[in-house]
Amino acid sequence: MTNGTVTSVLPAGDVVYIGGLVHLRGPPNGHGVPLDAATGAPKGAFPSVNGDVYCVEPDGEGGWFIGGRFSRVGEEQRSSIAHIDSGGNVSAFDPGVSEGDYVNRFYFPATRSTLAVGSALLGGSPGATSPP
C-alpha cells in the first residue's frame, strides 16, 4: 500500500523497487527504495534520493541506475541520474545532466556498453553515456 503515485516498478528476484511520489511509513528513505517482495518492507542499503525517481535499470552487477528529477543521492550531488553499486554506495558515474533537466527512461542494450537516456528535456532527444 502506498500513499502516493508510483511511476515505476521493477521486480528483481526477491526485491521490488518502486519510484514515484510515494512516502512510506518507517525510517526516512527518500523517493527511491528497494522493497522486499514478500513483506513490502524497505530492504538493504540504498541512499536517500532528494527528489522524484522516474526510472530504474539494473546494472547487471547487483547495482542500479536511477533517473528522475533530483539533485542529491545520499551525500553525493547528482543531477537527475545516478549509479548505485551493489553495496548501496553512489558511484563516481556522473554524466553531467544539466540542473533542471530530468531523466524519464533508460535503455541498456544487452552489450551493457552504452546506457541510453530518454527525456523531454535533454535537448529534445535521447542521450547516451558509457556506464561505470
N, C-alpha and C. Protein backbone atom coordinates (compact mmCIF):
# COMPACT_ATOMS: atom_id res chain seq x y z
N MET A 1 0.85 -1.17 0.00
CA MET A 1 0.00 0.00 0.00
C MET A 1 0.90 1.23 0.00
N THR A 2 0.63 2.16 -0.89
CA THR A 2 1.38 3.41 -0.94
C THR A 2 0.44 4.58 -0.71
N ASN A 3 1.00 5.70 -0.38
CA ASN A 3 0.17 6.89 -0.16
C ASN A 3 0.46 7.96 -1.20
N GLY A 4 0.91 7.53 -2.39
CA GLY A 4 1.21 8.47 -3.46
C GLY A 4 1.23 7.76 -4.79
N THR A 5 1.66 8.46 -5.82
CA THR A 5 1.69 7.93 -7.17
C THR A 5 2.98 7.17 -7.42
N VAL A 6 2.87 5.91 -7.84
CA VAL A 6 4.02 5.10 -8.22
C VAL A 6 4.19 5.25 -9.72
N THR A 7 5.39 5.67 -10.17
CA THR A 7 5.64 5.86 -11.60
C THR A 7 6.50 4.78 -12.20
N SER A 8 7.15 3.96 -11.37
CA SER A 8 7.93 2.84 -11.90
C SER A 8 8.01 1.73 -10.87
N VAL A 9 7.99 0.48 -11.38
CA VAL A 9 8.11 -0.71 -10.54
C VAL A 9 9.05 -1.66 -11.24
N LEU A 10 10.01 -2.21 -10.50
CA LEU A 10 10.95 -3.15 -11.09
C LEU A 10 11.16 -4.32 -10.14
N PRO A 11 10.56 -5.50 -10.44
CA PRO A 11 10.83 -6.67 -9.63
C PRO A 11 12.19 -7.25 -10.01
N ALA A 12 12.95 -7.64 -9.01
CA ALA A 12 14.27 -8.24 -9.24
C ALA A 12 14.51 -9.30 -8.18
N GLY A 13 14.24 -10.56 -8.51
CA GLY A 13 14.39 -11.63 -7.54
C GLY A 13 13.41 -11.45 -6.40
N ASP A 14 13.94 -11.39 -5.17
CA ASP A 14 13.06 -11.24 -4.01
C ASP A 14 12.90 -9.79 -3.57
N VAL A 15 13.28 -8.83 -4.44
CA VAL A 15 13.17 -7.40 -4.13
C VAL A 15 12.32 -6.73 -5.20
N VAL A 16 11.48 -5.79 -4.79
CA VAL A 16 10.73 -4.96 -5.72
C VAL A 16 11.12 -3.51 -5.47
N TYR A 17 11.58 -2.82 -6.52
CA TYR A 17 11.95 -1.41 -6.41
C TYR A 17 10.80 -0.59 -6.97
N ILE A 18 10.41 0.46 -6.23
CA ILE A 18 9.39 1.37 -6.72
C ILE A 18 9.94 2.78 -6.69
N GLY A 19 9.44 3.60 -7.58
CA GLY A 19 9.81 5.01 -7.60
C GLY A 19 8.56 5.83 -7.87
N GLY A 20 8.60 7.08 -7.48
CA GLY A 20 7.47 7.94 -7.73
C GLY A 20 7.24 8.92 -6.61
N LEU A 21 6.02 9.35 -6.49
CA LEU A 21 5.63 10.33 -5.48
C LEU A 21 5.04 9.57 -4.29
N VAL A 22 5.88 8.78 -3.63
CA VAL A 22 5.45 7.87 -2.59
C VAL A 22 6.23 8.15 -1.32
N HIS A 23 5.55 8.17 -0.21
CA HIS A 23 6.20 8.29 1.10
C HIS A 23 5.76 7.09 1.91
N LEU A 24 6.71 6.22 2.27
CA LEU A 24 6.40 5.02 3.02
C LEU A 24 6.56 5.29 4.51
N ARG A 25 5.82 4.57 5.33
CA ARG A 25 5.99 4.68 6.77
C ARG A 25 7.28 3.97 7.15
N GLY A 26 7.94 4.51 8.12
CA GLY A 26 9.20 3.91 8.56
C GLY A 26 10.29 4.96 8.54
N PRO A 27 11.55 4.50 8.54
CA PRO A 27 12.64 5.47 8.57
C PRO A 27 12.65 6.33 7.31
N PRO A 28 13.15 7.58 7.39
CA PRO A 28 13.24 8.41 6.20
C PRO A 28 14.12 7.71 5.16
N ASN A 29 13.60 7.59 3.93
CA ASN A 29 14.35 6.85 2.92
C ASN A 29 14.33 7.48 1.55
N GLY A 30 13.84 8.69 1.42
CA GLY A 30 13.87 9.36 0.13
C GLY A 30 12.80 8.85 -0.82
N HIS A 31 13.01 9.08 -2.10
CA HIS A 31 11.98 8.81 -3.11
C HIS A 31 12.23 7.55 -3.92
N GLY A 32 13.25 6.80 -3.63
CA GLY A 32 13.50 5.53 -4.30
C GLY A 32 13.99 4.54 -3.28
N VAL A 33 13.30 3.41 -3.15
CA VAL A 33 13.62 2.46 -2.09
C VAL A 33 13.44 1.03 -2.58
N PRO A 34 14.43 0.15 -2.37
CA PRO A 34 14.21 -1.27 -2.67
C PRO A 34 13.31 -1.87 -1.60
N LEU A 35 12.33 -2.66 -2.01
CA LEU A 35 11.40 -3.28 -1.08
C LEU A 35 11.50 -4.79 -1.17
N ASP A 36 11.31 -5.46 -0.06
CA ASP A 36 11.23 -6.91 -0.03
C ASP A 36 9.93 -7.32 -0.72
N ALA A 37 10.01 -8.22 -1.68
CA ALA A 37 8.84 -8.61 -2.46
C ALA A 37 7.78 -9.31 -1.60
N ALA A 38 8.19 -10.01 -0.55
CA ALA A 38 7.23 -10.73 0.29
C ALA A 38 6.57 -9.84 1.33
N THR A 39 7.34 -8.93 1.94
CA THR A 39 6.80 -8.14 3.05
C THR A 39 6.48 -6.70 2.70
N GLY A 40 7.10 -6.18 1.64
CA GLY A 40 6.91 -4.77 1.29
C GLY A 40 7.76 -3.84 2.13
N ALA A 41 8.56 -4.38 3.03
CA ALA A 41 9.42 -3.56 3.90
C ALA A 41 10.66 -3.11 3.13
N PRO A 42 11.19 -1.92 3.45
CA PRO A 42 12.45 -1.50 2.82
C PRO A 42 13.53 -2.55 3.05
N LYS A 43 14.36 -2.78 2.01
CA LYS A 43 15.35 -3.84 2.08
C LYS A 43 16.72 -3.33 1.64
N GLY A 44 17.72 -3.66 2.40
CA GLY A 44 19.10 -3.38 2.01
C GLY A 44 19.48 -1.92 2.09
N ALA A 45 20.75 -1.68 1.85
CA ALA A 45 21.29 -0.32 1.87
C ALA A 45 20.96 0.38 0.56
N PHE A 46 20.39 1.55 0.65
CA PHE A 46 20.07 2.34 -0.53
C PHE A 46 20.08 3.79 -0.10
N PRO A 47 20.90 4.63 -0.74
CA PRO A 47 20.98 6.02 -0.31
C PRO A 47 19.68 6.79 -0.58
N SER A 48 19.43 7.76 0.27
CA SER A 48 18.24 8.60 0.14
C SER A 48 18.35 9.47 -1.11
N VAL A 49 17.25 9.58 -1.84
CA VAL A 49 17.18 10.42 -3.04
C VAL A 49 16.30 11.62 -2.70
N ASN A 50 16.77 12.85 -3.00
CA ASN A 50 16.04 14.03 -2.55
C ASN A 50 15.00 14.54 -3.55
N GLY A 51 14.63 13.76 -4.52
CA GLY A 51 13.62 14.17 -5.49
C GLY A 51 12.91 12.95 -6.04
N ASP A 52 12.26 13.11 -7.18
CA ASP A 52 11.47 12.05 -7.77
C ASP A 52 12.32 11.09 -8.60
N VAL A 53 12.04 9.79 -8.47
CA VAL A 53 12.68 8.75 -9.28
C VAL A 53 11.66 8.29 -10.30
N TYR A 54 11.99 8.44 -11.60
CA TYR A 54 11.07 8.06 -12.68
C TYR A 54 11.42 6.72 -13.32
N CYS A 55 12.69 6.30 -13.24
CA CYS A 55 13.07 5.05 -13.88
C CYS A 55 14.24 4.41 -13.13
N VAL A 56 14.31 3.08 -13.22
CA VAL A 56 15.37 2.30 -12.57
C VAL A 56 15.81 1.24 -13.55
N GLU A 57 17.11 0.99 -13.62
CA GLU A 57 17.65 -0.04 -14.51
C GLU A 57 18.77 -0.78 -13.76
N PRO A 58 18.67 -2.12 -13.65
CA PRO A 58 19.78 -2.85 -13.01
C PRO A 58 21.05 -2.72 -13.85
N ASP A 59 22.20 -2.69 -13.18
CA ASP A 59 23.47 -2.56 -13.90
C ASP A 59 24.08 -3.90 -14.29
N GLY A 60 23.43 -5.01 -13.91
CA GLY A 60 23.93 -6.34 -14.25
C GLY A 60 24.96 -6.86 -13.25
N GLU A 61 25.30 -6.05 -12.25
CA GLU A 61 26.29 -6.46 -11.25
C GLU A 61 25.77 -6.24 -9.83
N GLY A 62 24.45 -6.22 -9.66
CA GLY A 62 23.85 -6.05 -8.34
C GLY A 62 23.54 -4.62 -7.95
N GLY A 63 23.90 -3.68 -8.82
CA GLY A 63 23.63 -2.26 -8.56
C GLY A 63 22.53 -1.75 -9.47
N TRP A 64 22.34 -0.42 -9.45
CA TRP A 64 21.21 0.17 -10.15
C TRP A 64 21.57 1.53 -10.71
N PHE A 65 21.00 1.85 -11.86
CA PHE A 65 20.97 3.22 -12.37
C PHE A 65 19.59 3.76 -12.02
N ILE A 66 19.54 4.99 -11.54
CA ILE A 66 18.25 5.63 -11.28
C ILE A 66 18.19 6.93 -12.06
N GLY A 67 17.03 7.26 -12.53
CA GLY A 67 16.82 8.51 -13.25
C GLY A 67 15.57 9.19 -12.75
N GLY A 68 15.53 10.49 -12.88
CA GLY A 68 14.36 11.23 -12.43
C GLY A 68 14.63 12.70 -12.39
N ARG A 69 14.12 13.34 -11.37
CA ARG A 69 14.31 14.77 -11.15
C ARG A 69 14.77 14.93 -9.70
N PHE A 70 16.09 14.94 -9.52
CA PHE A 70 16.68 15.06 -8.20
C PHE A 70 18.04 15.72 -8.33
N SER A 71 18.59 16.16 -7.20
CA SER A 71 19.90 16.81 -7.22
C SER A 71 20.89 16.17 -6.25
N ARG A 72 20.43 15.24 -5.44
CA ARG A 72 21.31 14.61 -4.46
C ARG A 72 20.88 13.17 -4.24
N VAL A 73 21.88 12.28 -4.18
CA VAL A 73 21.66 10.87 -3.84
C VAL A 73 22.63 10.55 -2.72
N GLY A 74 22.10 10.20 -1.57
CA GLY A 74 22.96 10.04 -0.39
C GLY A 74 23.65 11.37 -0.11
N GLU A 75 24.94 11.32 0.06
CA GLU A 75 25.72 12.54 0.32
C GLU A 75 26.30 13.15 -0.95
N GLU A 76 26.01 12.56 -2.11
CA GLU A 76 26.60 12.98 -3.38
C GLU A 76 25.64 13.85 -4.19
N GLN A 77 26.18 14.89 -4.79
CA GLN A 77 25.39 15.71 -5.71
C GLN A 77 25.32 14.99 -7.05
N ARG A 78 24.11 14.70 -7.50
CA ARG A 78 23.88 14.07 -8.80
C ARG A 78 22.64 14.70 -9.39
N SER A 79 22.73 15.15 -10.62
CA SER A 79 21.61 15.80 -11.28
C SER A 79 20.86 14.81 -12.16
N SER A 80 19.77 14.28 -11.64
CA SER A 80 18.77 13.51 -12.38
C SER A 80 19.18 12.12 -12.84
N ILE A 81 20.43 11.71 -12.64
CA ILE A 81 20.86 10.36 -12.97
C ILE A 81 21.99 9.97 -12.02
N ALA A 82 21.95 8.72 -11.56
CA ALA A 82 22.98 8.25 -10.64
C ALA A 82 23.13 6.75 -10.78
N HIS A 83 24.28 6.26 -10.37
CA HIS A 83 24.53 4.83 -10.29
C HIS A 83 24.78 4.47 -8.84
N ILE A 84 24.07 3.45 -8.36
CA ILE A 84 24.25 2.95 -7.01
C ILE A 84 24.78 1.53 -7.13
N ASP A 85 25.95 1.27 -6.52
CA ASP A 85 26.57 -0.04 -6.67
C ASP A 85 25.88 -1.07 -5.78
N SER A 86 26.32 -2.33 -5.88
CA SER A 86 25.68 -3.42 -5.16
C SER A 86 25.77 -3.27 -3.65
N GLY A 87 26.71 -2.46 -3.16
CA GLY A 87 26.82 -2.22 -1.73
C GLY A 87 25.98 -1.05 -1.24
N GLY A 88 25.24 -0.41 -2.13
CA GLY A 88 24.40 0.71 -1.76
C GLY A 88 25.13 2.04 -1.77
N ASN A 89 26.30 2.07 -2.40
CA ASN A 89 27.09 3.31 -2.49
C ASN A 89 26.86 4.02 -3.81
N VAL A 90 26.86 5.34 -3.79
CA VAL A 90 26.75 6.12 -5.01
C VAL A 90 28.12 6.09 -5.68
N SER A 91 28.17 5.63 -6.94
CA SER A 91 29.44 5.53 -7.66
C SER A 91 29.86 6.90 -8.21
N ALA A 92 31.03 6.94 -8.78
CA ALA A 92 31.56 8.18 -9.37
C ALA A 92 30.87 8.55 -10.68
N PHE A 93 30.08 7.65 -11.26
CA PHE A 93 29.35 7.89 -12.51
C PHE A 93 28.52 9.16 -12.40
N ASP A 94 28.81 10.13 -13.25
CA ASP A 94 28.08 11.40 -13.25
C ASP A 94 28.19 12.02 -14.65
N PRO A 95 27.24 11.71 -15.54
CA PRO A 95 27.35 12.20 -16.92
C PRO A 95 27.05 13.68 -17.10
N GLY A 96 26.71 14.39 -16.04
CA GLY A 96 26.57 15.84 -16.15
C GLY A 96 25.26 16.31 -16.74
N VAL A 97 24.15 15.72 -16.34
CA VAL A 97 22.85 16.22 -16.77
C VAL A 97 22.67 17.61 -16.20
N SER A 98 22.21 18.54 -17.00
CA SER A 98 22.05 19.93 -16.56
C SER A 98 21.00 20.04 -15.47
N GLU A 99 21.24 20.93 -14.53
CA GLU A 99 20.28 21.18 -13.48
C GLU A 99 18.96 21.63 -14.11
N GLY A 100 17.87 21.08 -13.64
CA GLY A 100 16.55 21.40 -14.18
C GLY A 100 16.06 20.39 -15.21
N ASP A 101 17.00 19.67 -15.87
CA ASP A 101 16.60 18.60 -16.79
C ASP A 101 16.23 17.37 -15.97
N TYR A 102 15.55 16.43 -16.59
CA TYR A 102 15.22 15.21 -15.88
C TYR A 102 15.34 14.02 -16.81
N VAL A 103 15.41 12.84 -16.23
CA VAL A 103 15.54 11.58 -16.97
C VAL A 103 14.29 10.76 -16.67
N ASN A 104 13.63 10.28 -17.72
CA ASN A 104 12.41 9.50 -17.51
C ASN A 104 12.43 8.13 -18.16
N ARG A 105 13.54 7.76 -18.79
CA ARG A 105 13.60 6.45 -19.45
C ARG A 105 15.05 6.04 -19.66
N PHE A 106 15.31 4.73 -19.48
CA PHE A 106 16.61 4.14 -19.78
C PHE A 106 16.45 3.04 -20.81
N TYR A 107 17.49 2.83 -21.58
CA TYR A 107 17.59 1.63 -22.40
C TYR A 107 19.03 1.18 -22.30
N PHE A 108 19.24 -0.03 -21.80
CA PHE A 108 20.57 -0.57 -21.59
C PHE A 108 20.69 -1.82 -22.45
N PRO A 109 21.28 -1.73 -23.64
CA PRO A 109 21.37 -2.88 -24.54
C PRO A 109 22.09 -4.06 -23.89
N ALA A 110 21.89 -5.24 -24.44
CA ALA A 110 22.48 -6.47 -23.90
C ALA A 110 24.01 -6.39 -23.80
N THR A 111 24.64 -5.59 -24.67
CA THR A 111 26.10 -5.47 -24.62
C THR A 111 26.58 -4.77 -23.36
N ARG A 112 25.69 -4.03 -22.70
CA ARG A 112 25.99 -3.28 -21.48
C ARG A 112 27.09 -2.24 -21.68
N SER A 113 27.33 -1.84 -22.92
CA SER A 113 28.41 -0.89 -23.19
C SER A 113 27.91 0.55 -23.26
N THR A 114 26.61 0.74 -23.42
CA THR A 114 26.03 2.07 -23.53
C THR A 114 24.71 2.11 -22.78
N LEU A 115 24.47 3.18 -22.08
CA LEU A 115 23.20 3.42 -21.41
C LEU A 115 22.54 4.57 -22.15
N ALA A 116 21.42 4.31 -22.81
CA ALA A 116 20.69 5.36 -23.50
C ALA A 116 19.71 5.98 -22.51
N VAL A 117 19.62 7.29 -22.53
CA VAL A 117 18.80 8.03 -21.59
C VAL A 117 17.78 8.84 -22.36
N GLY A 118 16.51 8.73 -21.97
CA GLY A 118 15.48 9.49 -22.64
C GLY A 118 14.87 10.53 -21.73
N SER A 119 14.59 11.69 -22.30
CA SER A 119 13.93 12.74 -21.55
C SER A 119 13.43 13.81 -22.51
N ALA A 120 12.36 14.43 -22.14
CA ALA A 120 11.84 15.53 -22.95
C ALA A 120 12.73 16.76 -22.82
N LEU A 121 13.62 16.79 -21.82
CA LEU A 121 14.39 17.99 -21.58
C LEU A 121 15.88 17.85 -21.85
N LEU A 122 16.33 16.74 -22.37
CA LEU A 122 17.75 16.58 -22.68
C LEU A 122 17.97 16.93 -24.15
N GLY A 123 17.78 18.16 -24.50
CA GLY A 123 17.95 18.60 -25.87
C GLY A 123 16.91 18.04 -26.82
N GLY A 124 15.82 17.51 -26.26
CA GLY A 124 14.73 17.01 -27.09
C GLY A 124 14.96 15.62 -27.67
N SER A 125 16.09 14.99 -27.35
CA SER A 125 16.33 13.64 -27.86
C SER A 125 17.12 12.84 -26.83
N PRO A 126 17.08 11.51 -26.97
CA PRO A 126 17.80 10.70 -26.01
C PRO A 126 19.29 10.98 -26.06
N GLY A 127 19.93 10.84 -24.94
CA GLY A 127 21.38 10.94 -24.85
C GLY A 127 21.94 9.57 -24.58
N ALA A 128 23.23 9.41 -24.67
CA ALA A 128 23.86 8.14 -24.38
C ALA A 128 25.16 8.40 -23.63
N THR A 129 25.46 7.50 -22.74
CA THR A 129 26.69 7.64 -21.96
C THR A 129 27.23 6.26 -21.63
N SER A 130 28.50 6.15 -21.40
CA SER A 130 29.12 4.88 -21.04
C SER A 130 28.94 4.65 -19.56
N PRO A 131 28.48 3.44 -19.16
CA PRO A 131 28.30 3.15 -17.74
C PRO A 131 29.65 2.94 -17.07
N PRO A 132 29.65 2.96 -15.73
CA PRO A 132 30.90 2.77 -15.00
C PRO A 132 31.47 1.38 -15.21
